[in-house]
C-alpha atoms as a PDB file:
ATOM      1  CA  VAL A   1     -79.503 -22.086 -10.148  1.00  0.00           C
ATOM      2  CA  LEU A   2     -81.886 -19.567 -12.235  1.00  0.00           C
ATOM      3  CA  SER A   3     -79.931 -18.006 -15.185  1.00  0.00           C
ATOM      4  CA  GLY A   4     -82.043 -15.521 -17.171  1.00  0.00           C
ATOM      5  CA  HIS A   5     -80.508 -12.311 -16.192  1.00  0.00           C
ATOM      6  CA  GLU A   6     -78.217 -10.678 -18.942  1.00  0.00           C
ATOM      7  CA  GLY A   7     -76.068  -8.640 -16.121  1.00  0.00           C
ATOM      8  CA  TRP A   8     -74.844  -8.669 -12.513  1.00  0.00           C
ATOM      9  CA  VAL A   9     -78.002  -9.612 -10.722  1.00  0.00           C
ATOM     10  CA  ARG A  10     -78.450  -6.928  -7.881  1.00  0.00           C
ATOM     11  CA  THR A  11     -81.261  -7.303  -6.113  1.00  0.00           C
ATOM     12  CA  VAL A  12     -83.912 -10.208  -4.847  1.00  0.00           C
ATOM     13  CA  ALA A  13     -87.289 -10.125  -3.100  1.00  0.00           C
ATOM     14  CA  VAL A  14     -89.543 -12.290  -1.781  1.00  0.00           C
ATOM     15  CA  ASP A  15     -93.685 -12.036  -1.893  1.00  0.00           C
ATOM     16  CA  PRO A  16     -95.161 -12.355   1.317  1.00  0.00           C
ATOM     17  CA  THR A  17     -97.687 -15.252   0.098  1.00  0.00           C
ATOM     18  CA  ASN A  18     -94.064 -17.412  -0.618  1.00  0.00           C
ATOM     19  CA  GLU A  19     -95.246 -18.279  -4.007  1.00  0.00           C
ATOM     20  CA  TRP A  20     -92.481 -15.980  -5.704  1.00  0.00           C
ATOM     21  CA  PHE A  21     -89.739 -14.040  -5.779  1.00  0.00           C
ATOM     22  CA  ALA A  22     -88.609 -11.114  -7.940  1.00  0.00           C
ATOM     23  CA  SER A  23     -84.876  -9.908  -8.891  1.00  0.00           C
ATOM     24  CA  SER A  24     -83.489  -7.369 -10.514  1.00  0.00           C
ATOM     25  CA  GLY A  25     -80.015  -6.119 -11.267  1.00  0.00           C
ATOM     26  CA  ASN A  26     -77.385  -5.041 -14.134  1.00  0.00           C
ATOM     27  CA  ASP A  27     -79.685  -6.032 -17.430  1.00  0.00           C
ATOM     28  CA  ARG A  28     -82.115  -3.038 -15.884  1.00  0.00           C
ATOM     29  CA  LEU A  29     -85.321  -6.153 -16.345  1.00  0.00           C
ATOM     30  CA  ILE A  30     -87.325  -6.813 -13.074  1.00  0.00           C
ATOM     31  CA  LYS A  31     -87.981 -10.744 -13.327  1.00  0.00           C
ATOM     32  CA  ILE A  32     -90.839 -12.547 -11.552  1.00  0.00           C
ATOM     33  CA  TRP A  33     -89.827 -16.457 -10.626  1.00  0.00           C
ATOM     34  CA  ASP A  34     -92.140 -19.164  -9.282  1.00  0.00           C
ATOM     35  CA  LEU A  35     -90.541 -20.083  -6.157  1.00  0.00           C
ATOM     36  CA  ALA A  36     -91.328 -23.657  -6.095  1.00  0.00           C
ATOM     37  CA  SER A  37     -90.337 -24.268  -9.353  1.00  0.00           C
ATOM     38  CA  GLY A  38     -88.066 -21.955 -10.577  1.00  0.00           C
ATOM     39  CA  THR A  39     -89.585 -21.026 -13.225  1.00  0.00           C
ATOM     40  CA  LEU A  40     -89.651 -17.517 -15.166  1.00  0.00           C
ATOM     41  CA  LYS A  41     -93.128 -15.802 -15.153  1.00  0.00           C
ATOM     42  CA  LEU A  42     -92.743 -12.350 -15.919  1.00  0.00           C
ATOM     43  CA  SER A  43     -90.289  -9.888 -17.119  1.00  0.00           C
ATOM     44  CA  LEU A  44     -90.977  -6.308 -16.365  1.00  0.00           C
ATOM     45  CA  THR A  45     -89.339  -3.136 -18.441  1.00  0.00           C
ATOM     46  CA  GLY A  46     -89.299   0.233 -17.532  1.00  0.00           C
ATOM     47  CA  HIS A  47     -85.911   1.468 -15.725  1.00  0.00           C
ATOM     48  CA  VAL A  48     -83.378   2.983 -17.787  1.00  0.00           C
ATOM     49  CA  SER A  49     -80.278   1.838 -15.916  1.00  0.00           C
ATOM     50  CA  THR A  50     -79.321  -0.711 -13.106  1.00  0.00           C
ATOM     51  CA  VAL A  51     -82.101  -1.906 -10.652  1.00  0.00           C
ATOM     52  CA  ARG A  52     -80.521  -1.904  -7.025  1.00  0.00           C
ATOM     53  CA  GLY A  53     -83.183  -2.383  -4.761  1.00  0.00           C
ATOM     54  CA  LEU A  54     -86.796  -4.421  -4.808  1.00  0.00           C
ATOM     55  CA  ALA A  55     -89.256  -4.379  -1.976  1.00  0.00           C
ATOM     56  CA  ILE A  56     -92.673  -5.948  -1.897  1.00  0.00           C
ATOM     57  CA  SER A  57     -95.838  -4.824  -0.075  1.00  0.00           C
ATOM     58  CA  ASP A  58     -97.674  -6.746   2.162  1.00  0.00           C
ATOM     59  CA  ARG A  59    -100.473  -4.909   2.207  1.00  0.00           C
ATOM     60  CA  HIS A  60    -101.070  -4.179  -1.248  1.00  0.00           C
ATOM     61  CA  PRO A  61    -100.060  -5.665  -4.568  1.00  0.00           C
ATOM     62  CA  TYR A  62     -97.130  -3.400  -5.286  1.00  0.00           C
ATOM     63  CA  LEU A  63     -94.018  -3.965  -6.001  1.00  0.00           C
ATOM     64  CA  PHE A  64     -91.049  -0.824  -5.347  1.00  0.00           C
ATOM     65  CA  SER A  65     -88.153  -0.813  -7.626  1.00  0.00           C
ATOM     66  CA  CYS A  66     -85.058   1.596  -7.210  1.00  0.00           C
ATOM     67  CA  SER A  67     -82.597   2.159 -10.003  1.00  0.00           C
ATOM     68  CA  GLU A  68     -79.408   4.207 -10.880  1.00  0.00           C
ATOM     69  CA  ASP A  69     -81.601   6.710 -12.935  1.00  0.00           C
ATOM     70  CA  CYS A  70     -82.385   8.381  -9.469  1.00  0.00           C
ATOM     71  CA  GLU A  71     -86.309   6.868 -10.413  1.00  0.00           C
ATOM     72  CA  VAL A  72     -88.367   5.297  -7.733  1.00  0.00           C
ATOM     73  CA  LYS A  73     -91.049   3.421  -9.298  1.00  0.00           C
ATOM     74  CA  CYS A  74     -94.264   1.725  -7.890  1.00  0.00           C
ATOM     75  CA  TRP A  75     -95.050  -1.303  -9.747  1.00  0.00           C
ATOM     76  CA  ASP A  76     -99.169  -2.798  -9.747  1.00  0.00           C
ATOM     77  CA  LEU A  77     -99.201  -6.483 -10.040  1.00  0.00           C
ATOM     78  CA  GLU A  78    -102.299  -6.875 -10.745  1.00  0.00           C
ATOM     79  CA  GLN A  79    -101.762  -4.769 -13.979  1.00  0.00           C
ATOM     80  CA  ASN A  80     -98.069  -5.183 -14.220  1.00  0.00           C
ATOM     81  CA  MET A  81     -97.564  -1.880 -14.829  1.00  0.00           C
ATOM     82  CA  VAL A  82     -95.748   1.246 -13.055  1.00  0.00           C
ATOM     83  CA  ILE A  83     -98.557   3.327 -11.570  1.00  0.00           C
ATOM     84  CA  ARG A  84     -96.095   5.816  -9.700  1.00  0.00           C
ATOM     85  CA  ASN A  85     -93.329   7.703  -9.533  1.00  0.00           C
ATOM     86  CA  TYR A  86     -91.310   8.932  -6.577  1.00  0.00           C
ATOM     87  CA  HIS A  87     -89.019  11.975  -7.687  1.00  0.00           C
ATOM     88  CA  GLY A  88     -86.426  13.555  -5.850  1.00  0.00           C
ATOM     89  CA  HIS A  89     -83.339  12.073  -5.635  1.00  0.00           C
ATOM     90  CA  LEU A  90     -80.543  13.525  -6.737  1.00  0.00           C
ATOM     91  CA  SER A  91     -78.441  10.831  -7.864  1.00  0.00           C
ATOM     92  CA  GLY A  92     -78.642   6.691  -7.984  1.00  0.00           C
ATOM     93  CA  VAL A  93     -80.782   5.099  -5.537  1.00  0.00           C
ATOM     94  CA  TYR A  94     -79.132   2.369  -3.658  1.00  0.00           C
ATOM     95  CA  CYS A  95     -81.678   1.204  -1.357  1.00  0.00           C
ATOM     96  CA  ILE A  96     -85.221   0.996  -0.451  1.00  0.00           C
ATOM     97  CA  SER A  97     -87.246  -0.189   2.436  1.00  0.00           C
ATOM     98  CA  LEU A  98     -91.254  -0.030   3.372  1.00  0.00           C
ATOM     99  CA  HIS A  99     -92.682   0.728   6.556  1.00  0.00           C
ATOM    100  CA  PRO A 100     -94.156  -2.444   8.122  1.00  0.00           C
ATOM    101  CA  THR A 101     -97.053  -1.072   9.362  1.00  0.00           C
ATOM    102  CA  LEU A 102     -97.426   2.921   7.734  1.00  0.00           C
ATOM    103  CA  ASN A 103     -97.921   3.173   4.082  1.00  0.00           C
ATOM    104  CA  ILE A 104     -94.387   4.946   3.746  1.00  0.00           C
ATOM    105  CA  LEU A 105     -91.119   3.505   1.845  1.00  0.00           C
ATOM    106  CA  ALA A 106     -87.661   5.324   2.724  1.00  0.00           C
ATOM    107  CA  THR A 107     -85.171   5.504  -0.182  1.00  0.00           C
ATOM    108  CA  GLY A 108     -80.963   6.129  -0.134  1.00  0.00           C
ATOM    109  CA  GLY A 109     -78.539   6.524  -2.485  1.00  0.00           C
ATOM    110  CA  ARG A 110     -75.706   8.214  -3.586  1.00  0.00           C
ATOM    111  CA  ASP A 111     -76.870  11.641  -3.096  1.00  0.00           C
ATOM    112  CA  SER A 112     -76.411  10.523   0.529  1.00  0.00           C
ATOM    113  CA  ALA A 113     -79.926  11.527   1.730  1.00  0.00           C
ATOM    114  CA  VAL A 114     -82.119   9.610   3.124  1.00  0.00           C
ATOM    115  CA  ARG A 115     -85.861  10.133   1.600  1.00  0.00           C
ATOM    116  CA  VAL A 116     -89.237   9.108   3.154  1.00  0.00           C
ATOM    117  CA  TRP A 117     -92.103   9.047   0.691  1.00  0.00           C
ATOM    118  CA  ASP A 118     -96.186   8.790   0.880  1.00  0.00           C
ATOM    119  CA  MET A 119     -96.913   5.634  -1.000  1.00  0.00           C
ATOM    120  CA  ARG A 120    -100.308   7.076  -2.377  1.00  0.00           C
ATOM    121  CA  THR A 121     -99.764  10.817  -2.849  1.00  0.00           C
ATOM    122  CA  LYS A 122     -95.576  10.254  -4.000  1.00  0.00           C
ATOM    123  CA  MET A 123     -94.717  13.256  -1.798  1.00  0.00           C
ATOM    124  CA  GLY A 124     -91.983  13.121  -0.019  1.00  0.00           C
ATOM    125  CA  ILE A 125     -92.572  13.765   3.606  1.00  0.00           C
ATOM    126  CA  PHE A 126     -89.107  14.170   5.113  1.00  0.00           C
ATOM    127  CA  THR A 127     -85.303  14.421   3.809  1.00  0.00           C
ATOM    128  CA  PHE A 128     -83.337  13.253   6.034  1.00  0.00           C
ATOM    129  CA  GLY A 129     -79.828  14.765   5.582  1.00  0.00           C
ATOM    130  CA  GLY A 130     -76.540  13.648   7.715  1.00  0.00           C
ATOM    131  CA  HIS A 131     -74.693  11.135   5.805  1.00  0.00           C
ATOM    132  CA  THR A 132     -71.475  12.052   4.216  1.00  0.00           C
ATOM    133  CA  ASN A 133     -71.346   9.289   1.510  1.00  0.00           C
ATOM    134  CA  ALA A 134     -73.719   7.168  -0.380  1.00  0.00           C
ATOM    135  CA  VAL A 135     -76.318   5.538   1.626  1.00  0.00           C
ATOM    136  CA  CYS A 136     -76.154   1.795   0.878  1.00  0.00           C
ATOM    137  CA  ASP A 137     -78.645  -0.026   3.023  1.00  0.00           C
ATOM    138  CA  ILE A 138     -81.752   1.131   5.057  1.00  0.00           C
ATOM    139  CA  ALA A 139     -83.979  -1.177   7.288  1.00  0.00           C
ATOM    140  CA  SER A 140     -87.067  -0.517   8.854  1.00  0.00           C
ATOM    141  CA  GLN A 141     -89.234  -2.049  11.809  1.00  0.00           C
ATOM    142  CA  ALA A 142     -92.556  -0.959  13.327  1.00  0.00           C
ATOM    143  CA  SER A 143     -90.897   0.358  16.625  1.00  0.00           C
ATOM    144  CA  GLU A 144     -88.281   2.665  17.473  1.00  0.00           C
ATOM    145  CA  PRO A 145     -86.079   3.128  15.414  1.00  0.00           C
ATOM    146  CA  GLN A 146     -88.126   3.408  12.829  1.00  0.00           C
ATOM    147  CA  PHE A 147     -85.733   3.693   9.984  1.00  0.00           C
ATOM    148  CA  ILE A 148     -81.987   2.932  10.202  1.00  0.00           C
ATOM    149  CA  SER A 149     -79.221   3.450   7.433  1.00  0.00           C
ATOM    150  CA  GLY A 150     -75.978   2.159   6.820  1.00  0.00           C
ATOM    151  CA  SER A 151     -73.747   4.507   4.647  1.00  0.00           C
ATOM    152  CA  MET A 152     -70.314   4.487   2.970  1.00  0.00           C
ATOM    153  CA  ASP A 153     -69.425   6.850   4.982  1.00  0.00           C
ATOM    154  CA  ARG A 154     -69.179   4.353   7.787  1.00  0.00           C
ATOM    155  CA  MET A 155     -71.781   5.870  10.261  1.00  0.00           C
ATOM    156  CA  VAL A 156     -74.732   4.138  10.984  1.00  0.00           C
ATOM    157  CA  ARG A 157     -77.877   6.505  11.707  1.00  0.00           C
ATOM    158  CA  LEU A 158     -80.936   5.848  13.679  1.00  0.00           C
ATOM    159  CA  TRP A 159     -84.121   8.170  12.172  1.00  0.00           C
ATOM    160  CA  ASP A 160     -86.778   9.330  14.693  1.00  0.00           C
ATOM    161  CA  LEU A 161     -90.080   9.992  12.265  1.00  0.00           C
ATOM    162  CA  ALA A 162     -91.758  11.713  14.725  1.00  0.00           C
ATOM    163  CA  ALA A 163     -89.084  14.709  15.271  1.00  0.00           C
ATOM    164  CA  GLY A 164     -87.915  14.222  11.167  1.00  0.00           C
ATOM    165  CA  LYS A 165     -84.500  13.988  12.434  1.00  0.00           C
ATOM    166  CA  CYS A 166     -81.457  11.625  13.406  1.00  0.00           C
ATOM    167  CA  SER A 167     -81.942  10.525  16.656  1.00  0.00           C
ATOM    168  CA  VAL A 168     -78.829   8.595  17.100  1.00  0.00           C
ATOM    169  CA  THR A 169     -75.553   8.541  14.712  1.00  0.00           C
ATOM    170  CA  LEU A 170     -73.368   4.950  15.506  1.00  0.00           C
ATOM    171  CA  THR A 171     -69.571   6.026  14.396  1.00  0.00           C
ATOM    172  CA  ASN A 172     -67.881   2.570  15.595  1.00  0.00           C
ATOM    173  CA  HIS A 173     -66.698   0.947  11.858  1.00  0.00           C
ATOM    174  CA  LYS A 174     -64.112   1.759  10.685  1.00  0.00           C
ATOM    175  CA  LYS A 175     -65.276   0.650   6.965  1.00  0.00           C
ATOM    176  CA  SER A 176     -68.685   1.724   5.126  1.00  0.00           C
ATOM    177  CA  VAL A 177     -71.444  -0.415   6.143  1.00  0.00           C
ATOM    178  CA  ARG A 178     -73.323  -1.897   3.346  1.00  0.00           C
ATOM    179  CA  ALA A 179     -75.640  -4.590   4.953  1.00  0.00           C
ATOM    180  CA  LEU A 180     -78.158  -3.971   7.782  1.00  0.00           C
ATOM    181  CA  ALA A 181     -80.654  -6.900   9.017  1.00  0.00           C
ATOM    182  CA  VAL A 182     -83.338  -5.987  11.904  1.00  0.00           C
ATOM    183  CA  HIS A 183     -84.010  -8.839  14.398  1.00  0.00           C
ATOM    184  CA  PRO A 184     -87.163 -10.594  14.114  1.00  0.00           C
ATOM    185  CA  ASN A 185     -87.801 -10.424  17.926  1.00  0.00           C
ATOM    186  CA  GLU A 186     -84.979  -9.526  19.767  1.00  0.00           C
ATOM    187  CA  TYR A 187     -84.949  -5.751  18.991  1.00  0.00           C
ATOM    188  CA  THR A 188     -81.621  -5.650  17.986  1.00  0.00           C
ATOM    189  CA  PHE A 189     -80.062  -5.295  14.811  1.00  0.00           C
ATOM    190  CA  VAL A 190     -76.904  -5.782  13.460  1.00  0.00           C
ATOM    191  CA  SER A 191     -74.531  -4.089  10.670  1.00  0.00           C
ATOM    192  CA  CYS A 192     -72.104  -5.257   8.403  1.00  0.00           C
ATOM    193  CA  SER A 193     -69.310  -4.077   7.177  1.00  0.00           C
ATOM    194  CA  SER A 194     -65.515  -5.349   6.097  1.00  0.00           C
ATOM    195  CA  ASP A 195     -64.027  -4.813   9.693  1.00  0.00           C
ATOM    196  CA  ASN A 196     -66.415  -6.432  12.118  1.00  0.00           C
ATOM    197  CA  ASN A 197     -70.517  -7.515  11.915  1.00  0.00           C
ATOM    198  CA  LYS A 198     -71.745  -4.926  15.048  1.00  0.00           C
ATOM    199  CA  VAL A 199     -75.432  -5.783  17.056  1.00  0.00           C
ATOM    200  CA  TRP A 200     -76.466  -3.199  18.508  1.00  0.00           C
ATOM    201  CA  LYS A 201     -79.321  -3.037  21.028  1.00  0.00           C
ATOM    202  CA  CYS A 202     -82.685  -1.260  19.578  1.00  0.00           C
ATOM    203  CA  PRO A 203     -83.985   1.914  20.855  1.00  0.00           C
ATOM    204  CA  ARG A 204     -81.111   4.365  21.379  1.00  0.00           C
ATOM    205  CA  GLY A 205     -78.161   1.994  19.422  1.00  0.00           C
ATOM    206  CA  ALA A 206     -76.531   0.794  22.407  1.00  0.00           C
ATOM    207  CA  PHE A 207     -73.267  -1.525  21.373  1.00  0.00           C
ATOM    208  CA  GLU A 208     -73.851  -5.118  22.323  1.00  0.00           C
ATOM    209  CA  ARG A 209     -71.160  -7.204  20.721  1.00  0.00           C
ATOM    210  CA  ASN A 210     -69.118  -7.774  17.713  1.00  0.00           C
ATOM    211  CA  ILE A 211     -69.753 -10.968  14.845  1.00  0.00           C
ATOM    212  CA  SER A 212     -66.368 -11.257  13.152  1.00  0.00           C
ATOM    213  CA  GLY A 213     -64.711 -14.013  11.251  1.00  0.00           C
ATOM    214  CA  HIS A 214     -65.019 -12.790   7.602  1.00  0.00           C
ATOM    215  CA  GLY A 215     -61.836 -11.823   7.197  1.00  0.00           C
ATOM    216  CA  GLY A 216     -61.745  -8.232   6.154  1.00  0.00           C
ATOM    217  CA  THR A 217     -63.742  -9.284   2.649  1.00  0.00           C
ATOM    218  CA  ILE A 218     -66.894  -6.267   1.781  1.00  0.00           C
ATOM    219  CA  VAL A 219     -70.019  -7.858   2.706  1.00  0.00           C
ATOM    220  CA  ASN A 220     -72.697  -6.757   0.198  1.00  0.00           C
ATOM    221  CA  THR A 221     -75.519  -8.452   1.875  1.00  0.00           C
ATOM    222  CA  CYS A 222     -76.989  -9.893   5.144  1.00  0.00           C
ATOM    223  CA  ALA A 223     -80.284 -11.510   6.728  1.00  0.00           C
ATOM    224  CA  ILE A 224     -81.378 -13.405   9.889  1.00  0.00           C
ATOM    225  CA  LYS A 225     -83.255 -16.372  10.230  1.00  0.00           C
ATOM    226  CA  GLU A 226     -84.918 -17.319  13.220  1.00  0.00           C
ATOM    227  CA  ASP A 227     -85.036 -20.819  14.181  1.00  0.00           C
ATOM    228  CA  ARG A 228     -87.938 -22.571  15.787  1.00  0.00           C
ATOM    229  CA  ASP A 229     -85.690 -23.451  19.276  1.00  0.00           C
ATOM    230  CA  GLY A 230     -85.453 -19.902  19.483  1.00  0.00           C
ATOM    231  CA  SER A 231     -81.904 -19.451  18.452  1.00  0.00           C
ATOM    232  CA  SER A 232     -81.180 -17.616  14.978  1.00  0.00           C
ATOM    233  CA  ILE A 233     -78.203 -17.391  12.432  1.00  0.00           C
ATOM    234  CA  LEU A 234     -76.878 -14.659  10.971  1.00  0.00           C
ATOM    235  CA  ALA A 235     -75.947 -15.018   6.965  1.00  0.00           C
ATOM    236  CA  ALA A 236     -73.597 -12.582   4.812  1.00  0.00           C
ATOM    237  CA  GLY A 237     -72.539 -12.687   1.587  1.00  0.00           C
ATOM    238  CA  THR A 238     -69.300 -11.137   0.266  1.00  0.00           C
ATOM    239  CA  ASP A 239     -68.002  -9.599  -2.366  1.00  0.00           C
ATOM    240  CA  ASN A 240     -65.486 -12.417  -3.229  1.00  0.00           C
ATOM    241  CA  GLY A 241     -68.514 -15.095  -3.516  1.00  0.00           C
ATOM    242  CA  TYR A 242     -68.329 -16.175  -0.170  1.00  0.00           C
ATOM    243  CA  MET A 243     -71.357 -16.870   2.321  1.00  0.00           C
ATOM    244  CA  HIS A 244     -70.426 -17.093   5.831  1.00  0.00           C
ATOM    245  CA  PHE A 245     -73.203 -18.200   8.701  1.00  0.00           C
ATOM    246  CA  TRP A 246     -72.785 -17.306  12.283  1.00  0.00           C
ATOM    247  CA  ASP A 247     -75.004 -18.331  15.305  1.00  0.00           C
ATOM    248  CA  TRP A 248     -76.585 -15.724  16.459  1.00  0.00           C
ATOM    249  CA  SER A 249     -76.083 -16.132  20.035  1.00  0.00           C
ATOM    250  CA  SER A 250     -72.673 -16.805  20.345  1.00  0.00           C
ATOM    251  CA  GLY A 251     -70.959 -15.255  17.419  1.00  0.00           C
ATOM    252  CA  HIS A 252     -69.945 -18.243  16.528  1.00  0.00           C
ATOM    253  CA  LYS A 253     -69.187 -19.091  12.393  1.00  0.00           C
ATOM    254  CA  TYR A 254     -70.315 -22.860  12.054  1.00  0.00           C
ATOM    255  CA  GLN A 255     -69.835 -22.567   8.113  1.00  0.00           C
ATOM    256  CA  THR A 256     -68.946 -20.888   5.036  1.00  0.00           C
ATOM    257  CA  MET A 257     -69.762 -21.440   1.686  1.00  0.00           C
ATOM    258  CA  GLN A 258     -68.262 -20.714  -1.683  1.00  0.00           C
ATOM    259  CA  ALA A 259     -70.723 -20.075  -4.426  1.00  0.00           C
ATOM    260  CA  ILE A 260     -69.879 -21.830  -7.561  1.00  0.00           C
ATOM    261  CA  PRO A 261     -69.809 -19.116 -10.977  1.00  0.00           C
ATOM    262  CA  GLN A 262     -72.297 -20.768 -13.488  1.00  0.00           C
ATOM    263  CA  PRO A 263     -70.118 -22.553 -16.623  1.00  0.00           C
ATOM    264  CA  GLY A 264     -68.837 -20.216 -18.850  1.00  0.00           C
ATOM    265  CA  SER A 265     -68.044 -17.095 -16.396  1.00  0.00           C
ATOM    266  CA  LEU A 266     -64.950 -16.004 -14.843  1.00  0.00           C
ATOM    267  CA  SER A 267     -63.522 -16.888 -11.565  1.00  0.00           C
ATOM    268  CA  ALA A 268     -63.596 -13.310 -10.586  1.00  0.00           C
ATOM    269  CA  GLU A 269     -67.770 -13.217 -11.519  1.00  0.00           C
ATOM    270  CA  ASN A 270     -67.949 -14.598  -8.014  1.00  0.00           C
ATOM    271  CA  GLY A 271     -69.778 -12.290  -5.570  1.00  0.00           C
ATOM    272  CA  ILE A 272     -72.978 -12.115  -3.584  1.00  0.00           C
ATOM    273  CA  PHE A 273     -74.883  -8.968  -4.086  1.00  0.00           C
ATOM    274  CA  ASP A 274     -77.946  -9.570  -1.992  1.00  0.00           C
ATOM    275  CA  MET A 275     -79.818 -12.650  -0.222  1.00  0.00           C
ATOM    276  CA  LYS A 276     -83.195 -13.150   1.336  1.00  0.00           C
ATOM    277  CA  PHE A 277     -84.439 -16.096   3.137  1.00  0.00           C
ATOM    278  CA  ASP A 278     -88.047 -17.226   2.063  1.00  0.00           C
ATOM    279  CA  GLN A 279     -91.254 -17.099   4.251  1.00  0.00           C
ATOM    280  CA  SER A 280     -90.581 -20.481   5.324  1.00  0.00           C
ATOM    281  CA  GLN A 281     -87.011 -19.355   6.212  1.00  0.00           C
ATOM    282  CA  SER A 282     -85.970 -22.678   4.313  1.00  0.00           C
ATOM    283  CA  ARG A 283     -84.969 -21.670   1.747  1.00  0.00           C
ATOM    284  CA  LEU A 284     -81.880 -18.961   0.757  1.00  0.00           C
ATOM    285  CA  ILE A 285     -81.904 -17.124  -2.350  1.00  0.00           C
ATOM    286  CA  THR A 286     -78.842 -15.077  -3.727  1.00  0.00           C
ATOM    287  CA  ALA A 287     -78.555 -12.645  -6.214  1.00  0.00           C
ATOM    288  CA  GLU A 288     -75.040 -13.246  -7.862  1.00  0.00           C
ATOM    289  CA  CYS A 289     -71.991 -11.231  -9.794  1.00  0.00           C
ATOM    290  CA  ASP A 290     -72.292 -14.186 -12.482  1.00  0.00           C
ATOM    291  CA  LYS A 291     -75.632 -13.144 -13.719  1.00  0.00           C
ATOM    292  CA  THR A 292     -77.853 -16.291 -11.737  1.00  0.00           C
ATOM    293  CA  VAL A 293     -80.367 -16.335  -8.974  1.00  0.00           C
ATOM    294  CA  LYS A 294     -79.411 -19.484  -6.669  1.00  0.00           C
ATOM    295  CA  ILE A 295     -81.129 -21.288  -4.202  1.00  0.00           C
ATOM    296  CA  TYR A 296     -79.896 -22.830  -1.637  1.00  0.00           C
ATOM    297  CA  ARG A 297     -81.780 -25.299   1.331  1.00  0.00           C
ATOM    298  CA  GLU A 298     -81.144 -26.288   4.140  1.00  0.00           C
ATOM    299  CA  ASP A 299     -78.978 -29.529   4.413  1.00  0.00           C
ATOM    300  CA  PRO A 300     -81.797 -31.926   5.369  1.00  0.00           C
ATOM    301  CA  ASN A 301     -79.548 -34.577   6.504  1.00  0.00           C
ATOM    302  CA  ALA A 302     -77.151 -32.441   9.159  1.00  0.00           C
ATOM    303  CA  THR A 303     -76.275 -33.971  12.316  1.00  0.00           C
ATOM    304  CA  PRO A 304     -74.085 -32.904  15.135  1.00  0.00           C
ATOM    305  CA  GLU A 305     -71.980 -35.283  14.196  1.00  0.00           C
ATOM    306  CA  THR A 306     -71.057 -35.194  10.593  1.00  0.00           C
ATOM    307  CA  HIS A 307     -70.743 -31.073  11.284  1.00  0.00           C
ATOM    308  CA  PRO A 308     -68.767 -31.180  14.800  1.00  0.00           C
ATOM    309  CA  LEU A 309     -68.712 -27.366  16.164  1.00  0.00           C
ATOM    310  CA  ASP A 310     -65.309 -26.633  17.180  1.00  0.00           C
ATOM    311  CA  TRP A 311     -65.875 -23.506  19.014  1.00  0.00           C
ATOM    312  CA  LYS A 312     -64.472 -22.006  21.647  1.00  0.00           C
ATOM    313  CA  ALA A 313     -65.679 -18.956  23.758  1.00  0.00           C
ATOM    314  CA  PRO A 314     -63.789 -15.771  23.060  1.00  0.00           C
ATOM    315  CA  LYS A 315     -61.619 -13.833  25.604  1.00  0.00           C
ATOM    316  CA  MET A 316     -62.908 -11.096  26.551  1.00  0.00           C
ATOM    317  CA  SER A 317     -60.178  -8.273  26.508  1.00  0.00           C
ATOM    318  CA  ALA A 318     -60.448  -4.713  26.851  1.00  0.00           C
ATOM    319  CA  ALA A 319     -59.901  -4.239  22.942  1.00  0.00           C
ATOM    320  CA  HIS A 320     -62.906  -6.416  21.907  1.00  0.00           C
ATOM    321  CA  ARG A 321     -65.328  -4.085  23.740  1.00  0.00           C
ATOM    322  CA  TYR A 322     -66.153  -1.808  21.012  1.00  0.00           C
END
């Protein structure tokens, strides 16, 4: 448990070299922590309102941050200062995502537009309209669709960068979509909402299956972890402080943990705003409402005997197909 923030911690991001990670939130400071020891290395000031998203580039020494003051900033980590501002959002910016191969970034916010920026020239390449409420999360990947956005208007939209418009709109969710995650090697993605987590096939967004069991709570964040044996895990953090872990292929929820709020905070201050796996996928870093960053590790001595699976295959019915 790392406590150093003076407000809610809204976002975390892990460095590609796995040596440090950044966290930020309502106290407007971007804090850089050492991943191994958990010591604070640096605090960056410059935003005037809550920082809602961080992204670290794997090809440049850059850190990107977006905030509720409509600003998107690019920090040079060699001189620890802002070198670029991306202007154009009309209201708070809620999410940010870097393209894995091109030098572009996408941001989404309360003005319900997804804006795609050229990293170097600070120009807006595209402004994707279409959502009718705030954009909560953006996922990106190198193959089509290159940007996926989930919004408070209960839609997931897949964006075609070449044509510069929305290629698919998925309207299956009944509640707002606050978390998206792209599977690392399966060409699928998941969208998390408080009604269901839905898994989609990639190029056209064909619905595949539901992963449910979080009981109607608001899912703020999700992450997918790839295991060595080919199976993967979907982890989700909810607004009431629970973390749920599902087996990806079967949709069986095998573990639920409740985060313990740090001493001195209210029991209501128990929410998880963001979670990321580090590059070795053995640590899970969460940004929480009790002003802390918590790091979880895998249980090294968990065996099938100590944690038995009580999984029964779900019945297929016509109602569960969508």
